[in-house]
PDB file of N, CA and C in Angstrom:
ATOM      1  N   MET A   1      -8.458   1.987  38.488  1.00  0.00           N
ATOM      2  CA  MET A   1      -7.884   0.904  37.718  1.00  0.00           C
ATOM      3  C   MET A   1      -6.370   0.897  37.913  1.00  0.00           C
ATOM      4  N   ALA A   2      -5.827  -0.258  38.211  1.00  0.00           N
ATOM      5  CA  ALA A   2      -4.393  -0.395  38.426  1.00  0.00           C
ATOM      6  C   ALA A   2      -3.656  -0.338  37.092  1.00  0.00           C
ATOM      7  N   VAL A   3      -2.502   0.328  37.093  1.00  0.00           N
ATOM      8  CA  VAL A   3      -1.669   0.400  35.900  1.00  0.00           C
ATOM      9  C   VAL A   3      -0.710  -0.772  35.941  1.00  0.00           C
ATOM     10  N   THR A   4      -0.795  -1.640  34.954  1.00  0.00           N
ATOM     11  CA  THR A   4       0.072  -2.816  34.884  1.00  0.00           C
ATOM     12  C   THR A   4       1.202  -2.563  33.897  1.00  0.00           C
ATOM     13  N   ALA A   5       2.190  -3.441  33.908  1.00  0.00           N
ATOM     14  CA  ALA A   5       3.287  -3.337  32.945  1.00  0.00           C
ATOM     15  C   ALA A   5       2.753  -3.443  31.521  1.00  0.00           C
ATOM     16  N   GLN A   6       1.726  -4.290  31.317  1.00  0.00           N
ATOM     17  CA  GLN A   6       1.150  -4.447  29.980  1.00  0.00           C
ATOM     18  C   GLN A   6       0.449  -3.159  29.554  1.00  0.00           C
ATOM     19  N   THR A   7      -0.257  -2.517  30.478  1.00  0.00           N
ATOM     20  CA  THR A   7      -0.917  -1.252  30.162  1.00  0.00           C
ATOM     21  C   THR A   7       0.116  -0.201  29.786  1.00  0.00           C
ATOM     22  N   LYS A   8       1.202  -0.121  30.551  1.00  0.00           N
ATOM     23  CA  LYS A   8       2.259   0.846  30.254  1.00  0.00           C
ATOM     24  C   LYS A   8       2.852   0.587  28.873  1.00  0.00           C
ATOM     25  N   ALA A   9       3.141  -0.683  28.560  1.00  0.00           N
ATOM     26  CA  ALA A   9       3.721  -1.022  27.256  1.00  0.00           C
ATOM     27  C   ALA A   9       2.772  -0.646  26.133  1.00  0.00           C
ATOM     28  N   SER A  10       1.495  -0.885  26.322  1.00  0.00           N
ATOM     29  CA  SER A  10       0.501  -0.544  25.312  1.00  0.00           C
ATOM     30  C   SER A  10       0.448   0.956  25.095  1.00  0.00           C
ATOM     31  N   ASP A  11       0.476   1.715  26.183  1.00  0.00           N
ATOM     32  CA  ASP A  11       0.451   3.175  26.085  1.00  0.00           C
ATOM     33  C   ASP A  11       1.681   3.701  25.347  1.00  0.00           C
ATOM     34  N   VAL A  12       2.841   3.177  25.689  1.00  0.00           N
ATOM     35  CA  VAL A  12       4.085   3.608  25.067  1.00  0.00           C
ATOM     36  C   VAL A  12       4.096   3.230  23.593  1.00  0.00           C
ATOM     37  N   GLY A  13       3.681   1.993  23.298  1.00  0.00           N
ATOM     38  CA  GLY A  13       3.627   1.556  21.902  1.00  0.00           C
ATOM     39  C   GLY A  13       2.695   2.423  21.092  1.00  0.00           C
ATOM     40  N   GLY A  14       1.533   2.721  21.653  1.00  0.00           N
ATOM     41  CA  GLY A  14       0.575   3.575  20.967  1.00  0.00           C
ATOM     42  C   GLY A  14       1.125   4.959  20.714  1.00  0.00           C
ATOM     43  N   GLY A  15       1.871   5.479  21.667  1.00  0.00           N
ATOM     44  CA  GLY A  15       2.483   6.801  21.504  1.00  0.00           C
ATOM     45  C   GLY A  15       3.496   6.824  20.386  1.00  0.00           C
ATOM     46  N   PHE A  16       4.314   5.771  20.312  1.00  0.00           N
ATOM     47  CA  PHE A  16       5.306   5.706  19.244  1.00  0.00           C
ATOM     48  C   PHE A  16       4.630   5.558  17.897  1.00  0.00           C
ATOM     49  N   VAL A  17       3.633   4.683  17.822  1.00  0.00           N
ATOM     50  CA  VAL A  17       2.911   4.480  16.557  1.00  0.00           C
ATOM     51  C   VAL A  17       2.299   5.800  16.093  1.00  0.00           C
ATOM     52  N   ALA A  18       1.682   6.526  17.001  1.00  0.00           N
ATOM     53  CA  ALA A  18       1.073   7.814  16.638  1.00  0.00           C
ATOM     54  C   ALA A  18       2.131   8.790  16.138  1.00  0.00           C
ATOM     55  N   ALA A  19       3.273   8.849  16.810  1.00  0.00           N
ATOM     56  CA  ALA A  19       4.346   9.759  16.389  1.00  0.00           C
ATOM     57  C   ALA A  19       4.882   9.361  15.012  1.00  0.00           C
ATOM     58  N   ALA A  20       5.045   8.051  14.777  1.00  0.00           N
ATOM     59  CA  ALA A  20       5.543   7.578  13.488  1.00  0.00           C
ATOM     60  C   ALA A  20       4.549   7.882  12.375  1.00  0.00           C
ATOM     61  N   GLU A  21       3.273   7.608  12.621  1.00  0.00           N
ATOM     62  CA  GLU A  21       2.249   7.876  11.608  1.00  0.00           C
ATOM     63  C   GLU A  21       2.150   9.364  11.311  1.00  0.00           C
ATOM     64  N   ASP A  22       2.285  10.198  12.338  1.00  0.00           N
ATOM     65  CA  ASP A  22       2.262  11.648  12.155  1.00  0.00           C
ATOM     66  C   ASP A  22       3.446  12.102  11.311  1.00  0.00           C
ATOM     67  N   ALA A  23       4.630  11.557  11.596  1.00  0.00           N
ATOM     68  CA  ALA A  23       5.826  11.910  10.825  1.00  0.00           C
ATOM     69  C   ALA A  23       5.674  11.507   9.361  1.00  0.00           C
ATOM     70  N   LEU A  24       5.145  10.312   9.132  1.00  0.00           N
ATOM     71  CA  LEU A  24       4.949   9.846   7.758  1.00  0.00           C
ATOM     72  C   LEU A  24       3.905  10.679   7.022  1.00  0.00           C
ATOM     73  N   ALA A  25       2.802  10.976   7.694  1.00  0.00           N
ATOM     74  CA  ALA A  25       1.727  11.740   7.055  1.00  0.00           C
ATOM     75  C   ALA A  25       2.159  13.164   6.730  1.00  0.00           C
ATOM     76  N   SER A  26       2.956  13.769   7.607  1.00  0.00           N
ATOM     77  CA  SER A  26       3.372  15.151   7.406  1.00  0.00           C
ATOM     78  C   SER A  26       4.549  15.277   6.453  1.00  0.00           C
ATOM     79  N   GLY A  27       5.282  14.174   6.280  1.00  0.00           N
ATOM     80  CA  GLY A  27       6.488  14.225   5.462  1.00  0.00           C
ATOM     81  C   GLY A  27       7.689  14.739   6.231  1.00  0.00           C
ATOM     82  N   ASP A  28       7.486  15.103   7.502  1.00  0.00           N
ATOM     83  CA  ASP A  28       8.571  15.586   8.355  1.00  0.00           C
ATOM     84  C   ASP A  28       9.082  14.423   9.196  1.00  0.00           C
ATOM     85  N   LEU A  29       9.959  13.627   8.600  1.00  0.00           N
ATOM     86  CA  LEU A  29      10.452  12.420   9.255  1.00  0.00           C
ATOM     87  C   LEU A  29      11.302  12.718  10.481  1.00  0.00           C
ATOM     88  N   SER A  30      11.768  13.948  10.615  1.00  0.00           N
ATOM     89  CA  SER A  30      12.580  14.316  11.775  1.00  0.00           C
ATOM     90  C   SER A  30      11.746  14.401  13.054  1.00  0.00           C
ATOM     91  N   ARG A  31      10.434  14.265  12.952  1.00  0.00           N
ATOM     92  CA  ARG A  31       9.580  14.281  14.151  1.00  0.00           C
ATOM     93  C   ARG A  31       9.874  13.093  15.063  1.00  0.00           C
ATOM     94  N   VAL A  32      10.450  12.037  14.494  1.00  0.00           N
ATOM     95  CA  VAL A  32      10.933  10.902  15.285  1.00  0.00           C
ATOM     96  C   VAL A  32      12.438  10.851  15.044  1.00  0.00           C
ATOM     97  N   SER A  33      13.210  11.049  16.103  1.00  0.00           N
ATOM     98  CA  SER A  33      14.664  11.089  15.942  1.00  0.00           C
ATOM     99  C   SER A  33      15.215   9.725  15.568  1.00  0.00           C
ATOM    100  N   ASP A  34      16.374   9.737  14.922  1.00  0.00           N
ATOM    101  CA  ASP A  34      17.035   8.482  14.570  1.00  0.00           C
ATOM    102  C   ASP A  34      17.349   7.676  15.830  1.00  0.00           C
ATOM    103  N   ALA A  35      17.740   8.362  16.894  1.00  0.00           N
ATOM    104  CA  ALA A  35      18.073   7.672  18.150  1.00  0.00           C
ATOM    105  C   ALA A  35      16.845   6.972  18.734  1.00  0.00           C
ATOM    106  N   GLU A  36      15.692   7.626  18.706  1.00  0.00           N
ATOM    107  CA  GLU A  36      14.473   7.006  19.233  1.00  0.00           C
ATOM    108  C   GLU A  36      14.027   5.838  18.356  1.00  0.00           C
ATOM    109  N   LEU A  37      14.137   6.006  17.050  1.00  0.00           N
ATOM    110  CA  LEU A  37      13.776   4.916  16.143  1.00  0.00           C
ATOM    111  C   LEU A  37      14.666   3.701  16.386  1.00  0.00           C
ATOM    112  N   GLU A  38      15.967   3.932  16.530  1.00  0.00           N
ATOM    113  CA  GLU A  38      16.895   2.836  16.808  1.00  0.00           C
ATOM    114  C   GLU A  38      16.546   2.165  18.138  1.00  0.00           C
ATOM    115  N   ARG A  39      16.247   2.944  19.127  1.00  0.00           N
ATOM    116  CA  ARG A  39      15.913   2.403  20.454  1.00  0.00           C
ATOM    117  C   ARG A  39      14.662   1.531  20.402  1.00  0.00           C
ATOM    118  N   VAL A  40      13.630   2.016  19.722  1.00  0.00           N
ATOM    119  CA  VAL A  40      12.375   1.267  19.620  1.00  0.00           C
ATOM    120  C   VAL A  40      12.563   0.002  18.779  1.00  0.00           C
ATOM    121  N   MET A  41      13.250   0.126  17.649  1.00  0.00           N
ATOM    122  CA  MET A  41      13.444  -1.052  16.788  1.00  0.00           C
ATOM    123  C   MET A  41      14.302  -2.105  17.480  1.00  0.00           C
ATOM    124  N   THR A  42      15.318  -1.681  18.197  1.00  0.00           N
ATOM    125  CA  THR A  42      16.169  -2.617  18.922  1.00  0.00           C
ATOM    126  C   THR A  42      15.352  -3.393  19.945  1.00  0.00           C
ATOM    127  N   ALA A  43      14.547  -2.692  20.717  1.00  0.00           N
ATOM    128  CA  ALA A  43      13.714  -3.355  21.722  1.00  0.00           C
ATOM    129  C   ALA A  43      12.701  -4.281  21.065  1.00  0.00           C
ATOM    130  N   ALA A  44      12.085  -3.837  19.974  1.00  0.00           N
ATOM    131  CA  ALA A  44      11.077  -4.648  19.287  1.00  0.00           C
ATOM    132  C   ALA A  44      11.704  -5.908  18.698  1.00  0.00           C
ATOM    133  N   VAL A  45      12.875  -5.788  18.103  1.00  0.00           N
ATOM    134  CA  VAL A  45      13.548  -6.951  17.508  1.00  0.00           C
ATOM    135  C   VAL A  45      13.932  -7.948  18.601  1.00  0.00           C
ATOM    136  N   ARG A  46      14.469  -7.461  19.694  1.00  0.00           N
ATOM    137  CA  ARG A  46      14.871  -8.353  20.787  1.00  0.00           C
ATOM    138  C   ARG A  46      13.659  -9.085  21.366  1.00  0.00           C
ATOM    139  N   LEU A  47      12.560  -8.358  21.565  1.00  0.00           N
ATOM    140  CA  LEU A  47      11.358  -8.976  22.122  1.00  0.00           C
ATOM    141  C   LEU A  47      10.762  -9.981  21.146  1.00  0.00           C
ATOM    142  N   TYR A  48      10.689  -9.617  19.869  1.00  0.00           N
ATOM    143  CA  TYR A  48      10.142 -10.537  18.868  1.00  0.00           C
ATOM    144  C   TYR A  48      10.981 -11.817  18.807  1.00  0.00           C
ATOM    145  N   ALA A  49      12.308 -11.691  18.778  1.00  0.00           N
ATOM    146  CA  ALA A  49      13.183 -12.869  18.704  1.00  0.00           C
ATOM    147  C   ALA A  49      13.000 -13.756  19.928  1.00  0.00           C
ATOM    148  N   ALA A  50      12.873 -13.157  21.095  1.00  0.00           N
ATOM    149  CA  ALA A  50      12.672 -13.949  22.316  1.00  0.00           C
ATOM    150  C   ALA A  50      11.348 -14.698  22.259  1.00  0.00           C
ATOM    151  N   LYS A  51      10.299 -14.027  21.775  1.00  0.00           N
ATOM    152  CA  LYS A  51       8.998 -14.692  21.650  1.00  0.00           C
ATOM    153  C   LYS A  51       9.042 -15.783  20.579  1.00  0.00           C
ATOM    154  N   ALA A  52       9.721 -15.521  19.477  1.00  0.00           N
ATOM    155  CA  ALA A  52       9.804 -16.501  18.384  1.00  0.00           C
ATOM    156  C   ALA A  52      10.533 -17.761  18.832  1.00  0.00           C
ATOM    157  N   ASP A  53      11.467 -17.621  19.737  1.00  0.00           N
ATOM    158  CA  ASP A  53      12.197 -18.780  20.249  1.00  0.00           C
ATOM    159  C   ASP A  53      11.485 -19.441  21.423  1.00  0.00           C
ATOM    160  N   GLY A  54      10.389 -18.860  21.863  1.00  0.00           N
ATOM    161  CA  GLY A  54       9.651 -19.397  22.995  1.00  0.00           C
ATOM    162  C   GLY A  54       8.695 -20.502  22.590  1.00  0.00           C
ATOM    163  N   ASP A  55       7.925 -20.937  23.557  1.00  0.00           N
ATOM    164  CA  ASP A  55       6.972 -22.027  23.330  1.00  0.00           C
ATOM    165  C   ASP A  55       5.756 -21.596  22.519  1.00  0.00           C
ATOM    166  N   SER A  56       5.399 -20.327  22.576  1.00  0.00           N
ATOM    167  CA  SER A  56       4.237 -19.816  21.843  1.00  0.00           C
ATOM    168  C   SER A  56       4.687 -18.697  20.915  1.00  0.00           C
ATOM    169  N   PRO A  57       5.099 -19.028  19.698  1.00  0.00           N
ATOM    170  CA  PRO A  57       5.587 -17.996  18.780  1.00  0.00           C
ATOM    171  C   PRO A  57       4.550 -16.892  18.574  1.00  0.00           C
ATOM    172  N   PRO A  58       5.016 -15.669  18.393  1.00  0.00           N
ATOM    173  CA  PRO A  58       4.106 -14.539  18.192  1.00  0.00           C
ATOM    174  C   PRO A  58       3.479 -14.564  16.800  1.00  0.00           C
ATOM    175  N   ALA A  59       2.549 -13.675  16.597  1.00  0.00           N
ATOM    176  CA  ALA A  59       1.953 -13.488  15.276  1.00  0.00           C
ATOM    177  C   ALA A  59       3.024 -12.933  14.335  1.00  0.00           C
ATOM    178  N   ALA A  60       2.668 -12.716  13.104  1.00  0.00           N
ATOM    179  CA  ALA A  60       3.599 -12.154  12.123  1.00  0.00           C
ATOM    180  C   ALA A  60       4.199 -10.851  12.667  1.00  0.00           C
ATOM    181  N   PRO A  61       5.462 -10.569  12.341  1.00  0.00           N
ATOM    182  CA  PRO A  61       6.118  -9.388  12.892  1.00  0.00           C
ATOM    183  C   PRO A  61       5.611  -8.063  12.337  1.00  0.00           C
ATOM    184  N   VAL A  62       4.947  -8.091  11.191  1.00  0.00           N
ATOM    185  CA  VAL A  62       4.392  -6.866  10.600  1.00  0.00           C
ATOM    186  C   VAL A  62       3.034  -7.178   9.983  1.00  0.00           C
ATOM    187  N   ALA A  63       2.241  -6.146   9.798  1.00  0.00           N
ATOM    188  CA  ALA A  63       0.960  -6.296   9.111  1.00  0.00           C
ATOM    189  C   ALA A  63       1.234  -6.180   7.614  1.00  0.00           C
ATOM    190  N   ALA A  64       1.227  -7.312   6.930  1.00  0.00           N
ATOM    191  CA  ALA A  64       1.586  -7.343   5.505  1.00  0.00           C
ATOM    192  C   ALA A  64       0.689  -6.447   4.656  1.00  0.00           C
ATOM    193  N   SER A  65      -0.502  -6.169   5.133  1.00  0.00           N
ATOM    194  CA  SER A  65      -1.415  -5.310   4.374  1.00  0.00           C
ATOM    195  C   SER A  65      -1.071  -3.825   4.528  1.00  0.00           C
ATOM    196  N   VAL A  66      -0.162  -3.509   5.446  1.00  0.00           N
ATOM    197  CA  VAL A  66       0.199  -2.111   5.718  1.00  0.00           C
ATOM    198  C   VAL A  66       1.609  -1.786   5.241  1.00  0.00           C
ATOM    199  N   VAL A  67       2.520  -2.741   5.376  1.00  0.00           N
ATOM    200  CA  VAL A  67       3.921  -2.539   5.017  1.00  0.00           C
ATOM    201  C   VAL A  67       4.158  -3.076   3.610  1.00  0.00           C
ATOM    202  N   THR A  68       4.864  -2.312   2.797  1.00  0.00           N
ATOM    203  CA  THR A  68       5.136  -2.756   1.427  1.00  0.00           C
ATOM    204  C   THR A  68       6.342  -3.691   1.392  1.00  0.00           C
ATOM    205  N   PRO A  69       6.415  -4.526   0.348  1.00  0.00           N
ATOM    206  CA  PRO A  69       7.610  -5.368   0.197  1.00  0.00           C
ATOM    207  C   PRO A  69       8.897  -4.541   0.159  1.00  0.00           C
ATOM    208  N   THR A  70       8.864  -3.395  -0.484  1.00  0.00           N
ATOM    209  CA  THR A  70      10.053  -2.532  -0.546  1.00  0.00           C
ATOM    210  C   THR A  70      10.458  -2.077   0.851  1.00  0.00           C
ATOM    211  N   GLU A  71       9.486  -1.673   1.664  1.00  0.00           N
ATOM    212  CA  GLU A  71       9.791  -1.234   3.031  1.00  0.00           C
ATOM    213  C   GLU A  71      10.406  -2.373   3.846  1.00  0.00           C
ATOM    214  N   ILE A  72       9.913  -3.577   3.643  1.00  0.00           N
ATOM    215  CA  ILE A  72      10.458  -4.730   4.363  1.00  0.00           C
ATOM    216  C   ILE A  72      11.890  -4.996   3.916  1.00  0.00           C
ATOM    217  N   VAL A  73      12.144  -5.027   2.606  1.00  0.00           N
ATOM    218  CA  VAL A  73      13.480  -5.326   2.097  1.00  0.00           C
ATOM    219  C   VAL A  73      14.483  -4.247   2.516  1.00  0.00           C
ATOM    220  N   VAL A  74      14.093  -2.991   2.449  1.00  0.00           N
ATOM    221  CA  VAL A  74      14.986  -1.906   2.879  1.00  0.00           C
ATOM    222  C   VAL A  74      15.359  -2.089   4.350  1.00  0.00           C
ATOM    223  N   THR A  75      14.360  -2.373   5.180  1.00  0.00           N
ATOM    224  CA  THR A  75      14.602  -2.529   6.620  1.00  0.00           C
ATOM    225  C   THR A  75      15.456  -3.752   6.921  1.00  0.00           C
ATOM    226  N   VAL A  76      15.105  -4.885   6.339  1.00  0.00           N
ATOM    227  CA  VAL A  76      15.864  -6.119   6.586  1.00  0.00           C
ATOM    228  C   VAL A  76      17.295  -5.966   6.084  1.00  0.00           C
ATOM    229  N   SER A  77      17.485  -5.371   4.921  1.00  0.00           N
ATOM    230  CA  SER A  77      18.831  -5.171   4.378  1.00  0.00           C
ATOM    231  C   SER A  77      19.679  -4.323   5.318  1.00  0.00           C
ATOM    232  N   ASP A  78      19.102  -3.237   5.817  1.00  0.00           N
ATOM    233  CA  ASP A  78      19.851  -2.367   6.728  1.00  0.00           C
ATOM    234  C   ASP A  78      20.105  -3.050   8.073  1.00  0.00           C
ATOM    235  N   MET A  79      19.181  -3.886   8.515  1.00  0.00           N
ATOM    236  CA  MET A  79      19.393  -4.627   9.764  1.00  0.00           C
ATOM    237  C   MET A  79      20.525  -5.639   9.589  1.00  0.00           C
ATOM    238  N   LEU A  80      20.558  -6.326   8.456  1.00  0.00           N
ATOM    239  CA  LEU A  80      21.644  -7.271   8.183  1.00  0.00           C
ATOM    240  C   LEU A  80      22.992  -6.551   8.165  1.00  0.00           C
ATOM    241  N   LYS A  81      23.048  -5.409   7.491  1.00  0.00           N
ATOM    242  CA  LYS A  81      24.295  -4.634   7.428  1.00  0.00           C
ATOM    243  C   LYS A  81      24.711  -4.168   8.820  1.00  0.00           C
ATOM    244  N   ALA A  82      23.754  -3.700   9.616  1.00  0.00           N
ATOM    245  CA  ALA A  82      24.062  -3.198  10.962  1.00  0.00           C
ATOM    246  C   ALA A  82      24.647  -4.294  11.843  1.00  0.00           C
ATOM    247  N   ALA A  83      24.208  -5.531  11.615  1.00  0.00           N
ATOM    248  CA  ALA A  83      24.688  -6.661  12.413  1.00  0.00           C
ATOM    249  C   ALA A  83      25.924  -7.321  11.802  1.00  0.00           C
ATOM    250  N   GLY A  84      26.387  -6.803  10.664  1.00  0.00           N
ATOM    251  CA  GLY A  84      27.550  -7.390  10.007  1.00  0.00           C
ATOM    252  C   GLY A  84      27.254  -8.738   9.375  1.00  0.00           C
ATOM    253  N   LEU A  85      25.995  -8.924   8.945  1.00  0.00           N
ATOM    254  CA  LEU A  85      25.583 -10.183   8.322  1.00  0.00           C
ATOM    255  C   LEU A  85      25.399  -9.983   6.823  1.00  0.00           C
ATOM    256  N   ASN A  86      25.298 -11.092   6.098  1.00  0.00           N
ATOM    257  CA  ASN A  86      25.060 -11.022   4.656  1.00  0.00           C
ATOM    258  C   ASN A  86      23.978 -12.032   4.288  1.00  0.00           C
ATOM    259  N   LEU A  87      23.686 -12.130   2.998  1.00  0.00           N
ATOM    260  CA  LEU A  87      22.613 -13.028   2.575  1.00  0.00           C
ATOM    261  C   LEU A  87      22.930 -14.496   2.838  1.00  0.00           C
ATOM    262  N   TRP A  88      24.199 -14.873   2.786  1.00  0.00           N
ATOM    263  CA  TRP A  88      24.560 -16.254   3.113  1.00  0.00           C
ATOM    264  C   TRP A  88      24.209 -16.541   4.571  1.00  0.00           C
ATOM    265  N   ASP A  89      24.551 -15.611   5.470  1.00  0.00           N
ATOM    266  CA  ASP A  89      24.199 -15.785   6.883  1.00  0.00           C
ATOM    267  C   ASP A  89      22.691 -15.926   7.038  1.00  0.00           C
ATOM    268  N   LEU A  90      21.951 -15.099   6.338  1.00  0.00           N
ATOM    269  CA  LEU A  90      20.488 -15.148   6.405  1.00  0.00           C
ATOM    270  C   LEU A  90      19.974 -16.499   5.920  1.00  0.00           C
ATOM    271  N   SER A  91      20.560 -17.014   4.852  1.00  0.00           N
ATOM    272  CA  SER A  91      20.090 -18.290   4.307  1.00  0.00           C
ATOM    273  C   SER A  91      20.291 -19.436   5.298  1.00  0.00           C
ATOM    274  N   MET A  92      21.306 -19.333   6.137  1.00  0.00           N
ATOM    275  CA  MET A  92      21.557 -20.374   7.140  1.00  0.00           C
ATOM    276  C   MET A  92      20.442 -20.404   8.195  1.00  0.00           C
ATOM    277  N   TRP A  93      19.825 -19.273   8.450  1.00  0.00           N
ATOM    278  CA  TRP A  93      18.790 -19.173   9.474  1.00  0.00           C
ATOM    279  C   TRP A  93      17.388 -19.220   8.902  1.00  0.00           C
ATOM    280  N   PHE A  94      17.256 -18.965   7.632  1.00  0.00           N
ATOM    281  CA  PHE A  94      15.933 -18.754   7.035  1.00  0.00           C
ATOM    282  C   PHE A  94      14.965 -19.907   7.274  1.00  0.00           C
ATOM    283  N   ASN A  95      15.392 -21.113   7.063  1.00  0.00           N
ATOM    284  CA  ASN A  95      14.507 -22.262   7.221  1.00  0.00           C
ATOM    285  C   ASN A  95      14.844 -23.103   8.442  1.00  0.00           C
ATOM    286  N   ARG A  96      15.414 -22.465   9.448  1.00  0.00           N
ATOM    287  CA  ARG A  96      15.789 -23.236  10.646  1.00  0.00           C
ATOM    288  C   ARG A  96      14.559 -23.831  11.306  1.00  0.00           C
ATOM    289  N   SER A  97      14.752 -24.974  11.847  1.00  0.00           N
ATOM    290  CA  SER A  97      13.615 -25.616  12.546  1.00  0.00           C
ATOM    291  C   SER A  97      13.647 -25.189  14.004  1.00  0.00           C
ATOM    292  N   LYS A  98      12.503 -25.228  14.614  1.00  0.00           N
ATOM    293  CA  LYS A  98      12.396 -24.907  16.031  1.00  0.00           C
ATOM    294  C   LYS A  98      12.911 -26.097  16.806  1.00  0.00           C
ATOM    295  N   ARG A  99      13.852 -25.866  17.682  1.00  0.00           N
ATOM    296  CA  ARG A  99      14.406 -26.856  18.625  1.00  0.00           C
ATOM    297  C   ARG A  99      14.502 -28.206  18.065  1.00  0.00           C
TER     298      ARG A  99
END
């Protein structure tokens, strides 16, 4: 069986998910370094944004049945701060129309 770019991405994604779930289950969050988490989240955000702006928007960015509202707000708040944005900036984009 030929290894495709999609197969590689799936394997890598699965590896990260397994490492993250293991870190959460064990309570040892250091099992995934801050640098690796930043690298994965940066790539995921860039890919999601590119797909969202494309002709075929992706599915929801998270599984709402798995992620809590608190986890979403903590993450979004820290992402806004990291980008130097605030809630006013977010409100300008929140209901933007596609093209």
